[in-house]
N, C-alpha and C. Protein backbone atom coordinates (compact mmCIF):
# COMPACT_ATOMS: atom_id res chain seq x y z
N MET A 1 114.22 101.41 58.35
CA MET A 1 113.80 100.13 57.90
C MET A 1 113.90 99.10 59.03
N SER A 2 112.89 98.32 59.27
CA SER A 2 112.89 97.29 60.28
C SER A 2 113.31 95.94 59.68
N THR A 3 114.25 95.26 60.31
CA THR A 3 114.78 94.02 59.81
C THR A 3 114.75 92.95 60.90
N PRO A 4 114.13 91.81 60.65
CA PRO A 4 114.22 90.69 61.60
C PRO A 4 115.65 90.23 61.72
N VAL A 5 116.12 89.98 62.92
CA VAL A 5 117.48 89.50 63.12
C VAL A 5 117.49 88.31 64.10
N ILE A 6 118.52 87.49 64.02
CA ILE A 6 118.74 86.43 64.97
C ILE A 6 120.04 86.70 65.69
N ILE A 7 120.00 86.77 66.98
CA ILE A 7 121.19 86.98 67.82
C ILE A 7 121.59 85.59 68.38
N GLU A 8 122.72 85.09 67.90
CA GLU A 8 123.16 83.76 68.27
C GLU A 8 124.35 83.83 69.22
N TYR A 9 124.29 83.08 70.30
CA TYR A 9 125.46 82.94 71.19
C TYR A 9 125.27 81.64 71.98
N GLU A 10 126.41 81.00 72.25
CA GLU A 10 126.37 79.71 72.92
C GLU A 10 125.35 78.81 72.23
N ASN A 11 124.39 78.30 72.94
CA ASN A 11 123.35 77.44 72.31
C ASN A 11 122.00 78.14 72.23
N ILE A 12 122.02 79.47 72.24
CA ILE A 12 120.78 80.25 72.27
C ILE A 12 120.64 81.02 70.97
N LYS A 13 119.42 81.11 70.46
CA LYS A 13 119.09 81.97 69.32
C LYS A 13 117.95 82.88 69.77
N LEU A 14 118.23 84.18 69.78
CA LEU A 14 117.23 85.18 70.17
C LEU A 14 116.68 85.87 68.94
N GLU A 15 115.33 85.91 68.82
CA GLU A 15 114.78 86.69 67.70
C GLU A 15 114.69 88.14 68.08
N GLY A 16 114.95 89.01 67.12
CA GLY A 16 114.89 90.42 67.39
C GLY A 16 114.47 91.21 66.17
N VAL A 17 114.27 92.49 66.35
CA VAL A 17 113.95 93.38 65.26
C VAL A 17 114.89 94.59 65.37
N LEU A 18 115.68 94.81 64.31
CA LEU A 18 116.56 95.94 64.22
C LEU A 18 115.90 97.03 63.38
N HIS A 19 115.74 98.23 63.97
CA HIS A 19 115.17 99.37 63.22
C HIS A 19 116.31 100.32 63.00
N GLU A 20 116.88 100.28 61.79
CA GLU A 20 118.10 101.00 61.48
C GLU A 20 117.89 102.48 61.29
N ASN A 21 118.78 103.25 61.88
CA ASN A 21 118.73 104.69 61.77
C ASN A 21 120.18 105.19 61.64
N SER A 22 120.86 105.35 62.77
CA SER A 22 122.22 105.87 62.78
C SER A 22 123.18 104.86 63.34
N PHE A 23 124.41 104.84 62.75
CA PHE A 23 125.45 104.03 63.35
C PHE A 23 126.07 104.66 64.57
N GLN A 24 125.79 105.95 64.77
CA GLN A 24 126.41 106.71 65.84
C GLN A 24 125.78 106.42 67.20
N LYS A 25 124.53 106.05 67.23
CA LYS A 25 123.89 105.78 68.53
C LYS A 25 122.78 104.74 68.35
N ALA A 26 122.74 103.83 69.33
CA ALA A 26 121.79 102.69 69.25
C ALA A 26 121.34 102.32 70.64
N VAL A 27 120.21 101.64 70.71
CA VAL A 27 119.64 101.26 72.01
C VAL A 27 119.15 99.79 71.96
N VAL A 28 119.42 99.06 73.00
CA VAL A 28 118.84 97.73 73.20
C VAL A 28 117.64 97.92 74.17
N ILE A 29 116.49 97.38 73.80
CA ILE A 29 115.27 97.52 74.60
C ILE A 29 114.80 96.16 75.11
N SER A 30 114.67 96.04 76.41
CA SER A 30 114.30 94.79 77.08
C SER A 30 112.84 94.78 77.51
N HIS A 31 112.18 93.67 77.26
CA HIS A 31 110.73 93.57 77.45
C HIS A 31 110.31 93.07 78.84
N PRO A 32 109.01 93.15 79.14
CA PRO A 32 108.53 92.69 80.46
C PRO A 32 108.53 91.16 80.60
N HIS A 33 108.12 90.70 81.75
CA HIS A 33 108.27 89.31 82.17
C HIS A 33 107.67 88.30 81.18
N PRO A 34 108.52 87.41 80.63
CA PRO A 34 107.98 86.48 79.63
C PRO A 34 106.97 85.48 80.16
N LEU A 35 107.04 85.16 81.46
CA LEU A 35 106.07 84.21 82.03
C LEU A 35 104.69 84.86 82.22
N TYR A 36 104.63 86.20 82.05
CA TYR A 36 103.33 86.91 82.13
C TYR A 36 102.96 87.49 80.77
N GLY A 37 103.49 86.90 79.71
CA GLY A 37 103.15 87.31 78.36
C GLY A 37 104.02 88.40 77.78
N GLY A 38 105.06 88.80 78.46
CA GLY A 38 105.90 89.88 77.98
C GLY A 38 106.74 89.43 76.77
N ASN A 39 106.81 90.32 75.77
CA ASN A 39 107.66 90.08 74.61
C ASN A 39 107.99 91.41 73.96
N MET A 40 108.78 91.37 72.89
CA MET A 40 109.31 92.58 72.27
C MET A 40 108.24 93.41 71.58
N ASP A 41 107.05 92.85 71.38
CA ASP A 41 105.97 93.60 70.71
C ASP A 41 105.01 94.23 71.70
N ASN A 42 105.37 94.19 72.98
CA ASN A 42 104.56 94.84 74.01
C ASN A 42 104.39 96.32 73.66
N PRO A 43 103.18 96.89 73.89
CA PRO A 43 102.94 98.29 73.51
C PRO A 43 103.88 99.31 74.16
N VAL A 44 104.27 99.07 75.42
CA VAL A 44 105.23 99.99 76.09
C VAL A 44 106.59 99.89 75.45
N VAL A 45 107.02 98.64 75.18
CA VAL A 45 108.30 98.45 74.47
C VAL A 45 108.30 99.14 73.12
N MET A 46 107.21 99.04 72.40
CA MET A 46 107.08 99.67 71.11
C MET A 46 107.16 101.21 71.26
N ALA A 47 106.51 101.74 72.27
CA ALA A 47 106.56 103.19 72.51
C ALA A 47 107.98 103.66 72.79
N ILE A 48 108.71 102.86 73.60
CA ILE A 48 110.10 103.22 73.90
C ILE A 48 110.91 103.19 72.60
N SER A 49 110.72 102.15 71.80
CA SER A 49 111.47 102.03 70.55
C SER A 49 111.16 103.21 69.62
N GLU A 50 109.92 103.54 69.48
CA GLU A 50 109.54 104.65 68.58
C GLU A 50 110.11 105.96 69.07
N SER A 51 110.20 106.16 70.39
CA SER A 51 110.76 107.41 70.92
C SER A 51 112.25 107.53 70.59
N PHE A 52 112.96 106.42 70.80
CA PHE A 52 114.41 106.46 70.48
C PHE A 52 114.62 106.65 68.98
N PHE A 53 113.84 105.93 68.14
CA PHE A 53 114.01 106.07 66.72
C PHE A 53 113.74 107.48 66.23
N GLU A 54 112.74 108.10 66.81
CA GLU A 54 112.40 109.49 66.45
C GLU A 54 113.56 110.43 66.72
N LYS A 55 114.40 110.08 67.69
CA LYS A 55 115.53 110.92 68.04
C LYS A 55 116.84 110.43 67.42
N GLY A 56 116.75 109.63 66.37
CA GLY A 56 117.93 109.29 65.59
C GLY A 56 118.63 108.02 65.98
N PHE A 57 118.11 107.26 66.92
CA PHE A 57 118.75 106.02 67.36
C PHE A 57 118.33 104.86 66.47
N THR A 58 119.29 103.94 66.23
CA THR A 58 118.95 102.63 65.80
C THR A 58 118.44 101.85 67.01
N THR A 59 117.35 101.12 66.86
CA THR A 59 116.76 100.38 67.98
C THR A 59 116.83 98.88 67.76
N LEU A 60 117.11 98.14 68.81
CA LEU A 60 117.10 96.69 68.77
C LEU A 60 116.17 96.17 69.86
N ARG A 61 115.02 95.65 69.46
CA ARG A 61 114.13 94.93 70.36
C ARG A 61 114.42 93.42 70.19
N PHE A 62 114.32 92.65 71.25
CA PHE A 62 114.54 91.22 71.13
C PHE A 62 113.66 90.49 72.13
N ASN A 63 113.47 89.24 71.90
CA ASN A 63 112.74 88.37 72.84
C ASN A 63 113.74 87.59 73.70
N PHE A 64 113.54 87.65 75.01
CA PHE A 64 114.37 86.86 75.91
C PHE A 64 114.23 85.35 75.56
N ARG A 65 115.21 84.60 76.01
CA ARG A 65 115.16 83.15 75.84
C ARG A 65 113.81 82.55 76.28
N GLY A 66 113.27 81.68 75.47
CA GLY A 66 111.99 81.06 75.76
C GLY A 66 110.77 81.88 75.46
N ALA A 67 110.92 83.13 75.06
CA ALA A 67 109.80 83.98 74.71
C ALA A 67 109.57 83.92 73.20
N CYS A 68 108.31 83.63 72.81
CA CYS A 68 107.94 83.54 71.40
C CYS A 68 108.89 82.57 70.68
N ASN A 69 109.63 83.03 69.67
CA ASN A 69 110.44 82.10 68.91
C ASN A 69 111.94 82.08 69.29
N SER A 70 112.28 82.74 70.40
CA SER A 70 113.64 82.59 70.92
C SER A 70 113.80 81.25 71.55
N THR A 71 114.94 80.62 71.34
CA THR A 71 115.17 79.28 71.87
C THR A 71 115.50 79.35 73.36
N GLY A 72 115.58 78.20 73.98
CA GLY A 72 115.92 78.14 75.42
C GLY A 72 114.72 78.24 76.29
N MET A 73 114.92 78.33 77.58
CA MET A 73 113.85 78.38 78.57
C MET A 73 114.11 79.55 79.54
N PHE A 74 113.05 80.02 80.15
CA PHE A 74 113.14 81.08 81.17
C PHE A 74 114.16 80.62 82.23
N ASP A 75 115.05 81.52 82.63
CA ASP A 75 116.15 81.16 83.53
C ASP A 75 116.16 82.00 84.81
N ASN A 76 114.98 82.41 85.25
CA ASN A 76 114.87 83.13 86.53
C ASN A 76 115.77 84.37 86.60
N GLY A 77 115.98 84.99 85.46
CA GLY A 77 116.73 86.26 85.49
C GLY A 77 118.24 86.13 85.35
N ASN A 78 118.74 84.89 85.29
CA ASN A 78 120.18 84.70 85.20
C ASN A 78 120.62 84.69 83.71
N GLY A 79 120.11 83.74 82.96
CA GLY A 79 120.42 83.70 81.52
C GLY A 79 119.91 84.92 80.81
N GLU A 80 118.86 85.51 81.31
CA GLU A 80 118.30 86.72 80.67
C GLU A 80 119.30 87.88 80.68
N GLN A 81 120.14 87.93 81.69
CA GLN A 81 121.20 88.96 81.70
C GLN A 81 122.19 88.67 80.59
N ASP A 82 122.50 87.42 80.33
CA ASP A 82 123.38 87.08 79.21
C ASP A 82 122.72 87.41 77.89
N ASP A 83 121.42 87.28 77.82
CA ASP A 83 120.69 87.66 76.57
C ASP A 83 120.92 89.16 76.27
N ILE A 84 120.81 89.99 77.30
CA ILE A 84 121.02 91.43 77.11
C ILE A 84 122.46 91.71 76.66
N ARG A 85 123.43 91.05 77.29
CA ARG A 85 124.82 91.23 76.89
C ARG A 85 125.05 90.78 75.45
N ALA A 86 124.37 89.73 75.02
CA ALA A 86 124.47 89.26 73.66
C ALA A 86 123.89 90.26 72.67
N ALA A 87 122.77 90.92 73.06
CA ALA A 87 122.18 91.92 72.20
C ALA A 87 123.11 93.13 72.07
N ILE A 88 123.74 93.53 73.18
CA ILE A 88 124.70 94.63 73.11
C ILE A 88 125.88 94.24 72.21
N SER A 89 126.38 93.04 72.37
CA SER A 89 127.48 92.55 71.56
C SER A 89 127.14 92.52 70.08
N TYR A 90 125.89 92.18 69.79
CA TYR A 90 125.46 92.19 68.38
C TYR A 90 125.61 93.59 67.78
N LEU A 91 125.19 94.60 68.53
CA LEU A 91 125.32 95.99 68.02
C LEU A 91 126.79 96.33 67.88
N VAL A 92 127.61 96.02 68.87
CA VAL A 92 129.04 96.36 68.84
C VAL A 92 129.69 95.67 67.61
N GLU A 93 129.42 94.40 67.40
CA GLU A 93 129.99 93.66 66.29
C GLU A 93 129.55 94.22 64.96
N ASN A 94 128.40 94.88 64.91
CA ASN A 94 127.93 95.46 63.68
C ASN A 94 128.19 96.99 63.59
N LYS A 95 129.21 97.38 64.40
CA LYS A 95 129.79 98.72 64.30
C LYS A 95 128.91 99.87 64.83
N TYR A 96 127.89 99.55 65.62
CA TYR A 96 127.10 100.61 66.23
C TYR A 96 127.85 101.16 67.43
N LYS A 97 127.66 102.48 67.66
CA LYS A 97 128.41 103.19 68.73
C LYS A 97 127.42 103.79 69.72
N GLN A 98 127.99 104.24 70.82
CA GLN A 98 127.18 104.95 71.88
C GLN A 98 125.89 104.13 72.17
N ILE A 99 126.08 102.96 72.69
CA ILE A 99 124.96 102.04 72.92
C ILE A 99 124.32 102.33 74.26
N CYS A 100 122.98 102.43 74.26
CA CYS A 100 122.22 102.68 75.46
C CYS A 100 121.35 101.42 75.75
N LEU A 101 120.85 101.38 76.99
CA LEU A 101 119.93 100.34 77.43
C LEU A 101 118.64 100.97 77.89
N ALA A 102 117.51 100.41 77.50
CA ALA A 102 116.21 100.83 78.01
C ALA A 102 115.41 99.57 78.26
N GLY A 103 114.65 99.60 79.37
CA GLY A 103 113.86 98.41 79.68
C GLY A 103 112.58 98.80 80.41
N TYR A 104 111.62 97.95 80.22
CA TYR A 104 110.30 98.15 80.89
C TYR A 104 110.00 96.97 81.80
N SER A 105 109.62 97.27 83.03
CA SER A 105 109.23 96.28 84.01
C SER A 105 110.33 95.24 84.22
N PHE A 106 110.04 93.97 84.00
CA PHE A 106 111.09 92.93 84.14
C PHE A 106 112.33 93.29 83.34
N GLY A 107 112.13 93.85 82.16
CA GLY A 107 113.26 94.23 81.34
C GLY A 107 114.13 95.28 82.01
N ALA A 108 113.48 96.22 82.73
CA ALA A 108 114.26 97.22 83.49
C ALA A 108 115.04 96.57 84.60
N ARG A 109 114.45 95.58 85.26
CA ARG A 109 115.17 94.86 86.32
C ARG A 109 116.39 94.11 85.77
N MET A 110 116.22 93.44 84.63
CA MET A 110 117.34 92.74 84.05
C MET A 110 118.43 93.68 83.57
N ASN A 111 118.03 94.78 82.93
CA ASN A 111 119.04 95.76 82.54
C ASN A 111 119.77 96.31 83.73
N ALA A 112 119.07 96.54 84.84
CA ALA A 112 119.70 97.08 86.07
C ALA A 112 120.77 96.12 86.54
N MET A 113 120.50 94.84 86.50
CA MET A 113 121.50 93.85 86.92
C MET A 113 122.74 93.93 86.04
N VAL A 114 122.55 94.03 84.74
CA VAL A 114 123.66 94.08 83.82
C VAL A 114 124.48 95.34 84.03
N VAL A 115 123.82 96.47 84.22
CA VAL A 115 124.52 97.74 84.42
C VAL A 115 125.25 97.71 85.78
N SER A 116 124.64 97.17 86.80
CA SER A 116 125.28 97.16 88.13
C SER A 116 126.51 96.28 88.14
N LYS A 117 126.65 95.38 87.19
CA LYS A 117 127.80 94.49 87.15
C LYS A 117 128.89 95.02 86.21
N GLY A 118 128.77 96.28 85.80
CA GLY A 118 129.87 96.90 85.10
C GLY A 118 129.78 96.96 83.60
N CYS A 119 128.64 96.61 83.03
CA CYS A 119 128.49 96.70 81.57
C CYS A 119 128.63 98.18 81.12
N LYS A 120 129.51 98.40 80.14
CA LYS A 120 129.81 99.73 79.68
C LYS A 120 128.76 100.17 78.64
N ILE A 121 127.93 101.15 78.99
CA ILE A 121 126.94 101.68 78.10
C ILE A 121 126.94 103.21 78.18
N LYS A 122 126.30 103.85 77.18
CA LYS A 122 126.28 105.31 77.15
C LYS A 122 125.23 105.85 78.09
N ASP A 123 124.04 105.23 78.16
CA ASP A 123 122.95 105.69 79.00
C ASP A 123 122.03 104.53 79.35
N HIS A 124 121.24 104.73 80.40
CA HIS A 124 120.38 103.64 80.90
C HIS A 124 119.08 104.28 81.34
N ILE A 125 117.97 103.80 80.76
CA ILE A 125 116.64 104.31 81.08
C ILE A 125 115.79 103.16 81.60
N MET A 126 115.15 103.41 82.72
CA MET A 126 114.23 102.39 83.30
C MET A 126 112.81 102.90 83.28
N VAL A 127 111.92 102.15 82.68
CA VAL A 127 110.49 102.44 82.68
C VAL A 127 109.79 101.41 83.61
N SER A 128 109.20 101.93 84.66
CA SER A 128 108.50 101.13 85.68
C SER A 128 109.38 99.96 86.17
N PRO A 129 110.56 100.25 86.76
CA PRO A 129 111.31 99.18 87.37
C PRO A 129 110.49 98.53 88.49
N PRO A 130 110.25 97.23 88.46
CA PRO A 130 109.22 96.59 89.29
C PRO A 130 109.65 96.33 90.72
N ALA A 131 109.95 97.41 91.45
CA ALA A 131 110.44 97.25 92.82
C ALA A 131 109.39 96.70 93.77
N GLY A 132 108.11 96.79 93.38
CA GLY A 132 107.07 96.23 94.22
C GLY A 132 106.78 94.76 93.94
N PHE A 133 107.47 94.24 92.96
CA PHE A 133 107.24 92.84 92.53
C PHE A 133 108.49 91.99 92.59
N MET A 134 109.63 92.65 92.33
CA MET A 134 110.96 91.97 92.39
C MET A 134 111.89 92.79 93.24
N SER A 135 112.67 92.15 94.05
CA SER A 135 113.57 92.87 94.93
C SER A 135 114.71 93.51 94.17
N PHE A 136 115.05 94.72 94.53
CA PHE A 136 116.23 95.42 94.01
C PHE A 136 117.30 95.53 95.08
N ASP A 137 117.09 94.87 96.21
CA ASP A 137 118.01 95.05 97.36
C ASP A 137 119.39 94.55 97.05
N ASP A 138 119.54 93.62 96.09
CA ASP A 138 120.85 93.06 95.78
C ASP A 138 121.66 93.96 94.86
N ILE A 139 121.06 95.05 94.38
CA ILE A 139 121.76 95.96 93.48
C ILE A 139 122.36 97.11 94.32
N GLU A 140 123.67 97.17 94.37
CA GLU A 140 124.34 98.11 95.27
C GLU A 140 124.72 99.41 94.57
N LYS A 141 124.79 99.38 93.24
CA LYS A 141 125.13 100.61 92.52
C LYS A 141 124.43 100.59 91.18
N MET A 142 124.25 101.77 90.62
CA MET A 142 123.48 101.86 89.38
C MET A 142 124.08 103.01 88.51
N PRO A 143 125.27 102.80 87.98
CA PRO A 143 125.89 103.85 87.17
C PRO A 143 125.14 104.07 85.84
N SER A 144 125.44 105.17 85.22
CA SER A 144 124.95 105.45 83.85
C SER A 144 123.43 105.62 83.71
N THR A 145 122.73 105.69 84.84
CA THR A 145 121.26 105.78 84.76
C THR A 145 120.83 107.23 84.64
N GLY A 146 120.20 107.57 83.49
CA GLY A 146 119.86 108.93 83.24
C GLY A 146 118.38 109.28 83.50
N LEU A 147 117.50 108.29 83.40
CA LEU A 147 116.08 108.57 83.51
C LEU A 147 115.32 107.37 84.05
N ILE A 148 114.39 107.65 84.95
CA ILE A 148 113.45 106.63 85.48
C ILE A 148 112.04 107.19 85.34
N VAL A 149 111.14 106.33 84.79
CA VAL A 149 109.73 106.76 84.64
C VAL A 149 108.84 105.73 85.28
N THR A 150 107.83 106.15 85.96
CA THR A 150 106.80 105.25 86.47
C THR A 150 105.47 105.96 86.49
N GLY A 151 104.42 105.24 86.86
CA GLY A 151 103.09 105.84 86.93
C GLY A 151 102.64 106.03 88.38
N ALA A 152 101.87 107.05 88.59
CA ALA A 152 101.39 107.38 89.94
C ALA A 152 100.52 106.28 90.50
N ASN A 153 99.88 105.47 89.61
CA ASN A 153 99.01 104.38 90.06
C ASN A 153 99.65 103.00 89.79
N ASP A 154 100.97 103.00 89.65
CA ASP A 154 101.69 101.79 89.33
C ASP A 154 102.04 101.04 90.60
N ASP A 155 101.30 99.97 90.94
CA ASP A 155 101.58 99.22 92.17
C ASP A 155 102.69 98.20 91.99
N ILE A 156 103.12 98.00 90.80
CA ILE A 156 104.29 97.11 90.48
C ILE A 156 105.58 97.91 90.65
N ALA A 157 105.53 99.17 90.30
CA ALA A 157 106.73 100.05 90.39
C ALA A 157 106.35 101.35 91.12
N PRO A 158 105.96 101.20 92.40
CA PRO A 158 105.52 102.39 93.16
C PRO A 158 106.62 103.44 93.25
N GLY A 159 106.28 104.66 92.96
CA GLY A 159 107.27 105.74 92.92
C GLY A 159 108.07 105.88 94.17
N ALA A 160 107.40 105.80 95.33
CA ALA A 160 108.10 106.03 96.62
C ALA A 160 109.16 104.93 96.86
N LEU A 161 108.81 103.70 96.50
CA LEU A 161 109.77 102.59 96.69
C LEU A 161 110.92 102.69 95.71
N VAL A 162 110.63 103.04 94.48
CA VAL A 162 111.70 103.26 93.49
C VAL A 162 112.63 104.36 93.94
N GLN A 163 112.04 105.45 94.49
CA GLN A 163 112.88 106.58 94.95
C GLN A 163 113.80 106.15 96.09
N GLU A 164 113.34 105.26 96.97
CA GLU A 164 114.19 104.75 98.03
C GLU A 164 115.45 104.08 97.47
N HIS A 165 115.28 103.31 96.41
CA HIS A 165 116.45 102.69 95.80
C HIS A 165 117.34 103.73 95.15
N VAL A 166 116.76 104.71 94.49
CA VAL A 166 117.54 105.75 93.86
C VAL A 166 118.40 106.48 94.91
N ASN A 167 117.81 106.74 96.07
CA ASN A 167 118.57 107.38 97.16
C ASN A 167 119.69 106.49 97.63
N ARG A 168 119.40 105.19 97.71
CA ARG A 168 120.43 104.24 98.20
C ARG A 168 121.61 104.15 97.20
N TRP A 169 121.24 104.21 95.92
CA TRP A 169 122.30 104.15 94.87
C TRP A 169 123.10 105.40 94.76
N LYS A 170 122.63 106.50 95.40
CA LYS A 170 123.31 107.77 95.38
C LYS A 170 123.49 108.27 93.94
N ILE A 171 122.42 108.20 93.19
CA ILE A 171 122.42 108.74 91.82
C ILE A 171 121.34 109.79 91.71
N ALA A 172 121.39 110.59 90.68
CA ALA A 172 120.42 111.68 90.53
C ALA A 172 119.87 111.66 89.09
N PRO A 173 119.18 110.61 88.71
CA PRO A 173 118.62 110.60 87.36
C PRO A 173 117.38 111.49 87.27
N GLY A 174 116.94 111.76 86.05
CA GLY A 174 115.63 112.34 85.90
C GLY A 174 114.60 111.35 86.45
N PHE A 175 113.60 111.80 87.16
CA PHE A 175 112.63 110.90 87.74
C PHE A 175 111.25 111.49 87.42
N GLU A 176 110.51 110.77 86.59
CA GLU A 176 109.22 111.24 86.13
C GLU A 176 108.09 110.30 86.62
N VAL A 177 107.08 110.85 87.24
CA VAL A 177 105.91 110.08 87.68
C VAL A 177 104.72 110.61 86.92
N ILE A 178 104.08 109.75 86.13
CA ILE A 178 102.94 110.15 85.28
C ILE A 178 101.66 110.01 86.06
N GLU A 179 100.94 111.07 86.22
CA GLU A 179 99.66 111.06 86.96
C GLU A 179 98.65 110.17 86.27
N ASN A 180 97.79 109.54 87.09
CA ASN A 180 96.71 108.69 86.61
C ASN A 180 97.18 107.60 85.64
N CYS A 181 98.35 107.08 85.95
CA CYS A 181 98.97 106.08 85.06
C CYS A 181 99.25 104.81 85.82
N ASP A 182 98.84 103.65 85.24
CA ASP A 182 99.09 102.38 85.86
C ASP A 182 100.33 101.71 85.27
N HIS A 183 100.59 100.48 85.67
CA HIS A 183 101.83 99.77 85.23
C HIS A 183 101.82 99.51 83.73
N PHE A 184 100.62 99.45 83.14
CA PHE A 184 100.54 99.13 81.69
C PHE A 184 100.48 100.37 80.84
N TYR A 185 100.53 101.57 81.43
CA TYR A 185 100.49 102.84 80.71
C TYR A 185 99.21 102.96 79.87
N SER A 186 98.13 102.45 80.46
CA SER A 186 96.85 102.53 79.79
C SER A 186 96.43 103.98 79.57
N GLY A 187 96.28 104.37 78.32
CA GLY A 187 95.93 105.75 77.99
C GLY A 187 97.05 106.73 78.21
N CYS A 188 98.25 106.24 78.50
CA CYS A 188 99.36 107.12 78.86
C CYS A 188 100.59 106.93 77.97
N LEU A 189 100.46 106.16 76.91
CA LEU A 189 101.63 105.91 76.07
C LEU A 189 102.15 107.19 75.40
N ASP A 190 101.26 108.06 75.00
CA ASP A 190 101.71 109.30 74.38
C ASP A 190 102.47 110.17 75.37
N LYS A 191 102.02 110.19 76.63
CA LYS A 191 102.72 110.95 77.66
C LYS A 191 104.10 110.35 77.89
N LEU A 192 104.20 109.00 77.92
CA LEU A 192 105.50 108.35 78.08
C LEU A 192 106.41 108.73 76.96
N LYS A 193 105.92 108.68 75.73
CA LYS A 193 106.74 109.00 74.56
C LYS A 193 107.21 110.46 74.61
N THR A 194 106.35 111.37 75.10
CA THR A 194 106.73 112.77 75.22
C THR A 194 107.88 112.91 76.20
N ILE A 195 107.80 112.24 77.35
CA ILE A 195 108.87 112.30 78.35
C ILE A 195 110.16 111.74 77.76
N LEU A 196 110.10 110.63 77.06
CA LEU A 196 111.29 110.04 76.51
C LEU A 196 111.94 110.89 75.45
N THR A 197 111.12 111.39 74.50
CA THR A 197 111.70 112.21 73.45
C THR A 197 112.25 113.52 73.95
N GLU A 198 111.63 114.12 74.97
CA GLU A 198 112.17 115.33 75.55
C GLU A 198 113.51 115.04 76.22
N TYR A 199 113.61 113.92 76.92
CA TYR A 199 114.87 113.54 77.55
C TYR A 199 115.97 113.30 76.52
N LEU A 200 115.62 112.69 75.42
CA LEU A 200 116.62 112.30 74.41
C LEU A 200 116.99 113.49 73.49
N SER A 201 116.25 114.60 73.60
CA SER A 201 116.54 115.75 72.74
C SER A 201 117.86 116.43 73.05
């Protein structure tokens, strides 16, 4: 069952959708750049959510501050990290366990910042981390990262550049590059869902 929720902290109210499944495992999903139209109803975000739900996870999608009906204003990636922490705290306070993070594009970049600063999570999945659009050079470590997915034609998250960061972080996640796939996963959402569900099995 999908339930609209409000995540309140400090002077911010974030709108979200909780898709309840199991209390044993849950995932927070972060959306692409709000200044470019990104929000929690993005098709790639929905595909990620559906994949996790299919594998028994409760899913929490939310809109970053300033996106759609969430209060506040875009904060250049600073307050957005607090938004992610607030979403995780919402799940913890509601007794959900084994919390994972998944993000697409800008959402993957924000999640990466949160994880690199020591946020304790069960697993971390990045879909098209935008290394060709936003610098990842300030991220020195990336623990808990189990899977990275991008498209062979993704110029926002080029596989070779993402791989350079993976090598620098000295991690060995699953790394999937989808052939004939751009940054928007045009015609490739089913392939993305297959990769995610197989990983989560």
